[in-house]
């Protein structure tokens, strides 16, 4: 097990300030004299405010609710868990109302506990506190006219500490009792959250190491005679569980038998060092059915089984109460969401070529260039959430027509465009940062360069290949460049942007895309020839 001295010191202070409640099981759990207890956990992650079906035949809050309720009815001891990113990066129906509809839908679905994900911080941590406690938005008020009560379930954030109070932003754990066996759910978000959200959103917070934090709270809770631990970790891995989550599991106390994960939008049920690790795709398309057999005498886990289920809309009847809730908000959002803003000739996707360039990345960069007086625009691929599909119909529009709601699904973060001055040398350094961050910036028309797949990091890009309008850049000259406000603050590790001067703030990024589609339709997918990969 890893050394946890630093985190233990923090936890020791937190124990004096923040004690999470120890709860009993949900109503209906009676006395059971059997030597073993069956606990069912139903988990989903990265819902991202997807109230309607993700595709016509899969997903949707009302359908997911039915699946969860049907399984909940089969097992007396059931806990419903969100693995983070319940809100944030949401479609317009939820985002227009600051994700209040998704919290209300989660209440109806019976969510018992949720870990915060990085996208829970998209509107800032003070707004996230409102998601928990309720109340009208401080600027927009209560847009649906009937108030907002907040989440009925607790958010967990064991490794997120407020610098002003020294307390965790939310409780670190929740303990529930099932027929005499107490189970602790400990929630952590990826330590790197501040680097992938807008800087102001996490200002005043400290994010601690995930494994060290879990280990510290396990030690504390074991002294309270709790022997069963479930870690809810908003961090993930590949479909075979390689990546960041494998490292976290490897470094976490062996007392943790189950890891419910998220963030990477991959579906898996894996065994890592004898521990079960689960995760699902995003948007409410998949959930995990988990069964833990608990020994009533030792209070420990005897066995764990888990299976992922697709949320097929054809197989169940949508829950009436959730359907009504979604319909209410869809009606309120419809005038804006259904507005046709342009058209495309074919699918324009986020699929990148070998050099790292995508057709939709090109279009968005071009839209941002058109909205400003810059000579080049840069777009982070993580801010492009889905494709623009020729055949997608969300309202009464014709095939190929694009609505504002569809554009909002592509760019849901409402980042403002920022234009600044960088030198040619800084642009060169910026391009090199792509290979440290592992994210290829999308670039606007007229900006071209070549990078080498075999060159070492730090020397991937040939400066002589960087051109604007076919003219090599001058490393000593100044250039006006545009990006969104997330990148401008150094997001995704692109710290060169923080060195820019003479900053000007422009319009919201999705509005730039809408304006571009309106002025340039029909838009066709381009040749993706701006970035070239060499051996």
Foldseek 3Di string as FASTA:
>chain_A
DDDQVVVLVLVVVQVVPDDADAAAFDPPQDADPDQKAKAKEKEAEQQAALQCAPDPWFFHLQLLLVVLVVVCVVHRHYAYEYLENLHALHFCLQVVQPNLLSLVSVVVSPHAEYEYELRCLLVALVVNVCLAQFAADPPPGRVLPPGGGHHPHFYAALFKAFQVPSYHSTHQWYWYHHNQFIEIEGEHYDQCSCQAHFVRRRPRIHGDHDQSSQQSVVVVVVVVVHQEYEYSYADFDAQAGDDDVLVSVVSHDPSYQEYEYENPQHAYWYARPNHTYGHHHYNRQKMKIKMWMARNPSSGTPDIDMDMDGSTPVPDDGHPVSVVSSVSSCVVCVVQQAAFLFFAPFKFWLDADPLQEGLVLQLLFQLLCVQDVFLKEWEWSVQQQTIDGQQDDDDPDDRGTHGLSNLCSRHVSQFWKKKFKDALLLVVVLQLQCVVLVTHIRMYPQWAFEFEPPDDRVRGTDQQRTTGNNHRGDRGDMGIYMYTSCVCSCHSNSCSSVVTPDMDTHGGSSVSSSNSNNVDPHHYRDPRHRYHYDD
